[in-house]
């Protein structure tokens, strides 16, 4: 985990944000398991909202998918915000898995 302190343009402390950066093929984020094909990497965290985690998926240096995990009482809801037409996302609500691969 990488920790960081974000500051506005005026130097006002906005709060501590943590990020998870991984090139592993299997990554667990807030109860969800992400399985990435070779060549993909995942960056999670950084949301200013404490009940949400932003998940960005990259292939080389290009962002190819963006998902949002939102905490609702005892469960976490997954929302796909954007995905490249060249990427296949397989989402299995139970057992809370996401597979990422090329089409």
C-alpha atoms as a PDB file:
ATOM      1  CA  UNK A   1       0.000   0.000   0.000  1.00  0.00           C
ATOM      2  CA  UNK A   2       1.140   3.483  -0.792  1.00  0.00           C
ATOM      3  CA  UNK A   3      -0.033   6.300   1.423  1.00  0.00           C
ATOM      4  CA  UNK A   4      -0.252   9.891   0.322  1.00  0.00           C
ATOM      5  CA  UNK A   5      -1.477  13.221   1.527  1.00  0.00           C
ATOM      6  CA  UNK A   6      -3.439  15.252  -1.005  1.00  0.00           C
ATOM      7  CA  UNK A   7      -3.374  19.025  -0.934  1.00  0.00           C
ATOM      8  CA  UNK A   8      -5.432  21.539  -2.872  1.00  0.00           C
ATOM      9  CA  UNK A   9      -3.905  24.322  -4.964  1.00  0.00           C
ATOM     10  CA  UNK A  10      -4.046  26.555  -1.881  1.00  0.00           C
ATOM     11  CA  UNK A  11      -2.073  24.065   0.211  1.00  0.00           C
ATOM     12  CA  UNK A  12      -5.074  22.987   2.298  1.00  0.00           C
ATOM     13  CA  UNK A  13      -4.858  19.418   3.559  1.00  0.00           C
ATOM     14  CA  UNK A  14      -7.652  17.389   1.927  1.00  0.00           C
ATOM     15  CA  UNK A  15      -7.030  14.173   3.831  1.00  0.00           C
ATOM     16  CA  UNK A  16      -5.019  11.001   3.689  1.00  0.00           C
ATOM     17  CA  UNK A  17      -5.630   8.761   0.689  1.00  0.00           C
ATOM     18  CA  UNK A  18      -4.243   5.298   0.154  1.00  0.00           C
ATOM     19  CA  UNK A  19      -3.596   3.550  -3.139  1.00  0.00           C
ATOM     20  CA  UNK A  20      -3.037  -0.075  -4.071  1.00  0.00           C
ATOM     21  CA  UNK A  21      -0.896  -0.630  -7.168  1.00  0.00           C
ATOM     22  CA  UNK A  22      -0.495  -4.180  -8.441  1.00  0.00           C
ATOM     23  CA  UNK A  23       0.672  -6.077 -11.490  1.00  0.00           C
ATOM     24  CA  UNK A  24      -0.161  -9.428  -9.845  1.00  0.00           C
ATOM     25  CA  UNK A  25      -2.613 -11.605 -11.715  1.00  0.00           C
ATOM     26  CA  UNK A  26      -4.915 -12.009  -8.695  1.00  0.00           C
ATOM     27  CA  UNK A  27      -5.719  -9.036  -6.464  1.00  0.00           C
ATOM     28  CA  UNK A  28      -8.258  -8.705  -3.633  1.00  0.00           C
ATOM     29  CA  UNK A  29      -9.889  -5.297  -3.172  1.00  0.00           C
ATOM     30  CA  UNK A  30     -12.633  -4.736  -0.580  1.00  0.00           C
ATOM     31  CA  UNK A  31     -14.028  -8.268  -0.798  1.00  0.00           C
ATOM     32  CA  UNK A  32     -13.777  -8.544  -4.596  1.00  0.00           C
ATOM     33  CA  UNK A  33     -11.174 -10.689  -6.399  1.00  0.00           C
ATOM     34  CA  UNK A  34      -9.768  -9.294  -9.633  1.00  0.00           C
ATOM     35  CA  UNK A  35      -8.018 -11.710 -12.002  1.00  0.00           C
ATOM     36  CA  UNK A  36      -5.935  -9.909 -14.619  1.00  0.00           C
ATOM     37  CA  UNK A  37      -4.554 -11.361 -17.816  1.00  0.00           C
ATOM     38  CA  UNK A  38      -0.852 -10.812 -18.447  1.00  0.00           C
ATOM     39  CA  UNK A  39      -0.029  -7.209 -19.359  1.00  0.00           C
ATOM     40  CA  UNK A  40      -2.709  -5.578 -17.189  1.00  0.00           C
ATOM     41  CA  UNK A  41      -2.202  -3.698 -13.929  1.00  0.00           C
ATOM     42  CA  UNK A  42      -4.617  -2.400 -11.306  1.00  0.00           C
ATOM     43  CA  UNK A  43      -4.646   0.775  -9.248  1.00  0.00           C
ATOM     44  CA  UNK A  44      -7.301   1.084  -6.529  1.00  0.00           C
ATOM     45  CA  UNK A  45      -8.121   3.800  -4.027  1.00  0.00           C
ATOM     46  CA  UNK A  46      -7.734   7.526  -3.967  1.00  0.00           C
ATOM     47  CA  UNK A  47     -11.414   8.394  -3.747  1.00  0.00           C
ATOM     48  CA  UNK A  48     -12.232  11.419  -1.598  1.00  0.00           C
ATOM     49  CA  UNK A  49     -15.453   9.639  -0.606  1.00  0.00           C
ATOM     50  CA  UNK A  50     -14.792   7.217   2.306  1.00  0.00           C
ATOM     51  CA  UNK A  51     -17.549   4.804   1.196  1.00  0.00           C
ATOM     52  CA  UNK A  52     -16.147   4.390  -2.323  1.00  0.00           C
ATOM     53  CA  UNK A  53     -13.020   2.886  -3.865  1.00  0.00           C
ATOM     54  CA  UNK A  54     -12.098   3.715  -7.436  1.00  0.00           C
ATOM     55  CA  UNK A  55     -10.547   0.819  -9.390  1.00  0.00           C
ATOM     56  CA  UNK A  56      -8.604   1.650 -12.559  1.00  0.00           C
ATOM     57  CA  UNK A  57      -7.239  -1.013 -14.887  1.00  0.00           C
ATOM     58  CA  UNK A  58      -4.371  -0.253 -17.247  1.00  0.00           C
ATOM     59  CA  UNK A  59      -2.842  -2.040 -20.206  1.00  0.00           C
ATOM     60  CA  UNK A  60       0.670  -0.714 -20.715  1.00  0.00           C
ATOM     61  CA  UNK A  61       0.213   3.043 -20.038  1.00  0.00           C
ATOM     62  CA  UNK A  62      -3.407   3.329 -21.184  1.00  0.00           C
ATOM     63  CA  UNK A  63      -6.396   3.197 -18.823  1.00  0.00           C
ATOM     64  CA  UNK A  64      -8.741   0.566 -20.280  1.00  0.00           C
ATOM     65  CA  UNK A  65     -11.384   0.259 -17.548  1.00  0.00           C
ATOM     66  CA  UNK A  66     -12.693   2.126 -14.544  1.00  0.00           C
ATOM     67  CA  UNK A  67     -14.885   0.564 -11.868  1.00  0.00           C
ATOM     68  CA  UNK A  68     -16.286   1.842  -8.601  1.00  0.00           C
ATOM     69  CA  UNK A  69     -16.776  -0.128  -5.385  1.00  0.00           C
ATOM     70  CA  UNK A  70     -19.422   1.398  -3.094  1.00  0.00           C
ATOM     71  CA  UNK A  71     -19.977   0.117   0.440  1.00  0.00           C
ATOM     72  CA  UNK A  72     -23.608  -0.547   1.361  1.00  0.00           C
ATOM     73  CA  UNK A  73     -24.002  -1.776   4.929  1.00  0.00           C
ATOM     74  CA  UNK A  74     -22.673  -5.359   4.835  1.00  0.00           C
ATOM     75  CA  UNK A  75     -21.869  -5.623   1.126  1.00  0.00           C
ATOM     76  CA  UNK A  76     -19.901  -3.853  -1.581  1.00  0.00           C
ATOM     77  CA  UNK A  77     -21.587  -2.891  -4.846  1.00  0.00           C
ATOM     78  CA  UNK A  78     -19.550  -2.918  -8.074  1.00  0.00           C
ATOM     79  CA  UNK A  79     -20.297  -0.397 -10.836  1.00  0.00           C
ATOM     80  CA  UNK A  80     -18.563  -0.356 -14.222  1.00  0.00           C
ATOM     81  CA  UNK A  81     -18.030   3.279 -15.164  1.00  0.00           C
ATOM     82  CA  UNK A  82     -16.042   2.790 -18.385  1.00  0.00           C
ATOM     83  CA  UNK A  83     -14.419  -0.023 -20.334  1.00  0.00           C
ATOM     84  CA  UNK A  84     -12.470  -0.135 -23.607  1.00  0.00           C
ATOM     85  CA  UNK A  85     -14.032  -2.019 -26.493  1.00  0.00           C
ATOM     86  CA  UNK A  86     -10.817  -4.078 -26.665  1.00  0.00           C
ATOM     87  CA  UNK A  87     -11.181  -5.405 -23.108  1.00  0.00           C
ATOM     88  CA  UNK A  88     -13.395  -8.204 -21.833  1.00  0.00           C
ATOM     89  CA  UNK A  89     -14.723  -7.907 -18.261  1.00  0.00           C
ATOM     90  CA  UNK A  90     -16.354 -11.014 -16.811  1.00  0.00           C
ATOM     91  CA  UNK A  91     -18.205 -10.091 -13.625  1.00  0.00           C
ATOM     92  CA  UNK A  92     -19.446 -12.804 -11.291  1.00  0.00           C
ATOM     93  CA  UNK A  93     -21.472 -11.331  -8.390  1.00  0.00           C
ATOM     94  CA  UNK A  94     -20.990 -14.512  -6.386  1.00  0.00           C
ATOM     95  CA  UNK A  95     -18.196 -15.205  -5.446  1.00  0.00           C
ATOM     96  CA  UNK A  96     -17.469 -11.495  -6.184  1.00  0.00           C
ATOM     97  CA  UNK A  97     -14.953 -11.954  -8.971  1.00  0.00           C
ATOM     98  CA  UNK A  98     -13.921  -9.854 -11.960  1.00  0.00           C
ATOM     99  CA  UNK A  99     -11.823 -11.313 -14.782  1.00  0.00           C
ATOM    100  CA  UNK A 100     -10.027  -8.921 -17.108  1.00  0.00           C
ATOM    101  CA  UNK A 101      -8.681 -10.051 -20.487  1.00  0.00           C
ATOM    102  CA  UNK A 102      -8.261  -8.910 -24.076  1.00  0.00           C
ATOM    103  CA  UNK A 103     -11.021  -9.660 -26.571  1.00  0.00           C
END
